[in-house]
Amino acid sequence: MKTNSNVEAQFARKLAGKVALVTGGSRSIGAAIAERLAADGAAVALTYSASPAKADKVVRAIEAAGGKALAIKADAADTEAVRLAVRKPSEHLAALIFS
């Protein structure tokens, strides 16, 4: 029978070469999701609206664990800000993925 760590090892890095955008990724559940996606190999862009320090903390944690991350200021209530947030990861994280 596989142990939990064997299952985790089997799925680790499954998202290598992928980019994930996590809205509200600077706090609580969003931060946990961003960190998990990064642990699974994705380069992560996370949005925040009012707390750049918290967003930077999540980015630093991801990078310290060997991942790649980017924080983007974007209020989810602002349609144009969300559109720009979707474009920005592809422009900036692509360079991180292939570096």
C-alpha atoms as a PDB file:
ATOM      1  CA  MET A   1       0.000   0.000   0.000  1.00  0.00           C
ATOM      2  CA  LYS A   2       1.284   3.468  -0.861  1.00  0.00           C
ATOM      3  CA  THR A   3       1.919   5.825   1.988  1.00  0.00           C
ATOM      4  CA  ASN A   4       0.868   9.444   1.890  1.00  0.00           C
ATOM      5  CA  SER A   5       4.457  10.535   1.197  1.00  0.00           C
ATOM      6  CA  ASN A   6       4.698   8.096  -1.739  1.00  0.00           C
ATOM      7  CA  VAL A   7       1.532   9.522  -3.242  1.00  0.00           C
ATOM      8  CA  GLU A   8       2.810  13.058  -2.755  1.00  0.00           C
ATOM      9  CA  ALA A   9       6.137  12.158  -4.362  1.00  0.00           C
ATOM     10  CA  GLN A  10       4.282  10.627  -7.307  1.00  0.00           C
ATOM     11  CA  PHE A  11       2.403  13.881  -7.946  1.00  0.00           C
ATOM     12  CA  ALA A  12       5.193  16.295  -7.001  1.00  0.00           C
ATOM     13  CA  ARG A  13       6.239  18.646  -9.782  1.00  0.00           C
ATOM     14  CA  LYS A  14       3.222  17.646 -11.915  1.00  0.00           C
ATOM     15  CA  LEU A  15       2.739  21.333 -12.726  1.00  0.00           C
ATOM     16  CA  ALA A  16       6.305  22.006 -13.865  1.00  0.00           C
ATOM     17  CA  GLY A  17       6.292  24.391 -16.820  1.00  0.00           C
ATOM     18  CA  LYS A  18       2.794  25.671 -16.004  1.00  0.00           C
ATOM     19  CA  VAL A  19       1.751  29.104 -14.741  1.00  0.00           C
ATOM     20  CA  ALA A  20      -0.989  29.491 -12.129  1.00  0.00           C
ATOM     21  CA  LEU A  21      -2.817  32.726 -11.310  1.00  0.00           C
ATOM     22  CA  VAL A  22      -4.230  32.837  -7.782  1.00  0.00           C
ATOM     23  CA  THR A  23      -6.559  35.730  -7.051  1.00  0.00           C
ATOM     24  CA  GLY A  24      -6.394  36.811  -3.440  1.00  0.00           C
ATOM     25  CA  GLY A  25      -3.158  34.874  -3.095  1.00  0.00           C
ATOM     26  CA  SER A  26      -1.643  37.063  -0.411  1.00  0.00           C
ATOM     27  CA  ARG A  27      -3.797  35.827   2.474  1.00  0.00           C
ATOM     28  CA  SER A  28      -5.302  32.788   4.105  1.00  0.00           C
ATOM     29  CA  ILE A  29      -6.593  30.129   1.719  1.00  0.00           C
ATOM     30  CA  GLY A  30      -5.279  31.962  -1.349  1.00  0.00           C
ATOM     31  CA  ALA A  31      -1.750  31.997   0.079  1.00  0.00           C
ATOM     32  CA  ALA A  32      -1.959  28.289   0.923  1.00  0.00           C
ATOM     33  CA  ILE A  33      -3.164  27.512  -2.598  1.00  0.00           C
ATOM     34  CA  ALA A  34      -0.348  29.589  -4.133  1.00  0.00           C
ATOM     35  CA  GLU A  35       2.255  27.812  -2.021  1.00  0.00           C
ATOM     36  CA  ARG A  36       0.845  24.375  -2.870  1.00  0.00           C
ATOM     37  CA  LEU A  37       0.742  25.099  -6.600  1.00  0.00           C
ATOM     38  CA  ALA A  38       4.363  26.252  -6.417  1.00  0.00           C
ATOM     39  CA  ALA A  39       5.333  23.114  -4.478  1.00  0.00           C
ATOM     40  CA  ASP A  40       3.747  21.110  -7.286  1.00  0.00           C
ATOM     41  CA  GLY A  41       6.000  22.882  -9.782  1.00  0.00           C
ATOM     42  CA  ALA A  42       3.899  25.753 -11.142  1.00  0.00           C
ATOM     43  CA  ALA A  43       5.246  29.267 -11.466  1.00  0.00           C
ATOM     44  CA  VAL A  44       2.701  31.294  -9.495  1.00  0.00           C
ATOM     45  CA  ALA A  45       1.316  34.763 -10.019  1.00  0.00           C
ATOM     46  CA  LEU A  46      -0.791  35.934  -7.120  1.00  0.00           C
ATOM     47  CA  THR A  47      -2.967  39.005  -6.861  1.00  0.00           C
ATOM     48  CA  TYR A  48      -3.509  41.299  -3.922  1.00  0.00           C
ATOM     49  CA  SER A  49      -5.512  44.472  -3.525  1.00  0.00           C
ATOM     50  CA  ALA A  50      -4.359  46.186  -0.346  1.00  0.00           C
ATOM     51  CA  SER A  51      -1.507  44.287   1.237  1.00  0.00           C
ATOM     52  CA  PRO A  52       1.737  44.294  -0.750  1.00  0.00           C
ATOM     53  CA  ALA A  53       3.721  43.246   2.328  1.00  0.00           C
ATOM     54  CA  LYS A  54       1.638  40.081   2.725  1.00  0.00           C
ATOM     55  CA  ALA A  55       1.916  39.356  -0.995  1.00  0.00           C
ATOM     56  CA  ASP A  56       5.693  39.798  -0.868  1.00  0.00           C
ATOM     57  CA  LYS A  57       5.844  37.447   2.120  1.00  0.00           C
ATOM     58  CA  VAL A  58       4.083  34.710   0.133  1.00  0.00           C
ATOM     59  CA  VAL A  59       6.352  35.301  -2.884  1.00  0.00           C
ATOM     60  CA  ARG A  60       9.451  35.094  -0.656  1.00  0.00           C
ATOM     61  CA  ALA A  61       8.186  31.850   0.923  1.00  0.00           C
ATOM     62  CA  ILE A  62       7.631  30.304  -2.492  1.00  0.00           C
ATOM     63  CA  GLU A  63      11.052  31.422  -3.713  1.00  0.00           C
ATOM     64  CA  ALA A  64      12.740  30.189  -0.514  1.00  0.00           C
ATOM     65  CA  ALA A  65      11.252  26.766  -1.207  1.00  0.00           C
ATOM     66  CA  GLY A  66      12.722  26.827  -4.714  1.00  0.00           C
ATOM     67  CA  GLY A  67       9.631  28.036  -6.565  1.00  0.00           C
ATOM     68  CA  LYS A  68       8.952  30.969  -8.832  1.00  0.00           C
ATOM     69  CA  ALA A  69       6.374  33.614  -7.997  1.00  0.00           C
ATOM     70  CA  LEU A  70       5.158  37.094  -8.818  1.00  0.00           C
ATOM     71  CA  ALA A  71       2.780  39.400  -6.915  1.00  0.00           C
ATOM     72  CA  ILE A  72       0.410  41.589  -8.936  1.00  0.00           C
ATOM     73  CA  LYS A  73      -1.667  44.439  -7.525  1.00  0.00           C
ATOM     74  CA  ALA A  74      -5.193  43.819  -8.830  1.00  0.00           C
ATOM     75  CA  ASP A  75      -8.526  44.335  -7.113  1.00  0.00           C
ATOM     76  CA  ALA A  76     -10.842  41.460  -8.096  1.00  0.00           C
ATOM     77  CA  ALA A  77     -13.756  43.926  -8.172  1.00  0.00           C
ATOM     78  CA  ASP A  78     -12.044  45.906 -10.971  1.00  0.00           C
ATOM     79  CA  THR A  79     -12.612  44.164 -14.323  1.00  0.00           C
ATOM     80  CA  GLU A  80      -9.757  45.934 -16.102  1.00  0.00           C
ATOM     81  CA  ALA A  81      -7.318  45.187 -13.264  1.00  0.00           C
ATOM     82  CA  VAL A  82      -8.208  41.497 -13.540  1.00  0.00           C
ATOM     83  CA  ARG A  83      -7.671  41.550 -17.315  1.00  0.00           C
ATOM     84  CA  LEU A  84      -4.244  43.068 -16.821  1.00  0.00           C
ATOM     85  CA  ALA A  85      -3.440  40.567 -14.077  1.00  0.00           C
ATOM     86  CA  VAL A  86      -4.131  37.728 -16.497  1.00  0.00           C
ATOM     87  CA  ARG A  87      -1.784  39.231 -19.099  1.00  0.00           C
ATOM     88  CA  LYS A  88       1.025  40.074 -16.704  1.00  0.00           C
ATOM     89  CA  PRO A  89       1.923  36.519 -15.596  1.00  0.00           C
ATOM     90  CA  SER A  90       2.410  35.368 -19.158  1.00  0.00           C
ATOM     91  CA  GLU A  91       4.756  38.276 -19.815  1.00  0.00           C
ATOM     92  CA  HIS A  92       6.831  38.017 -16.638  1.00  0.00           C
ATOM     93  CA  LEU A  93       6.679  34.409 -15.508  1.00  0.00           C
ATOM     94  CA  ALA A  94       7.516  32.953 -18.909  1.00  0.00           C
ATOM     95  CA  ALA A  95      11.028  34.336 -18.451  1.00  0.00           C
ATOM     96  CA  LEU A  96      11.218  32.673 -15.023  1.00  0.00           C
ATOM     97  CA  ILE A  97      10.009  29.299 -16.302  1.00  0.00           C
ATOM     98  CA  PHE A  98      12.580  29.080 -19.051  1.00  0.00           C
ATOM     99  CA  SER A  99      15.496  30.643 -17.179  1.00  0.00           C
END
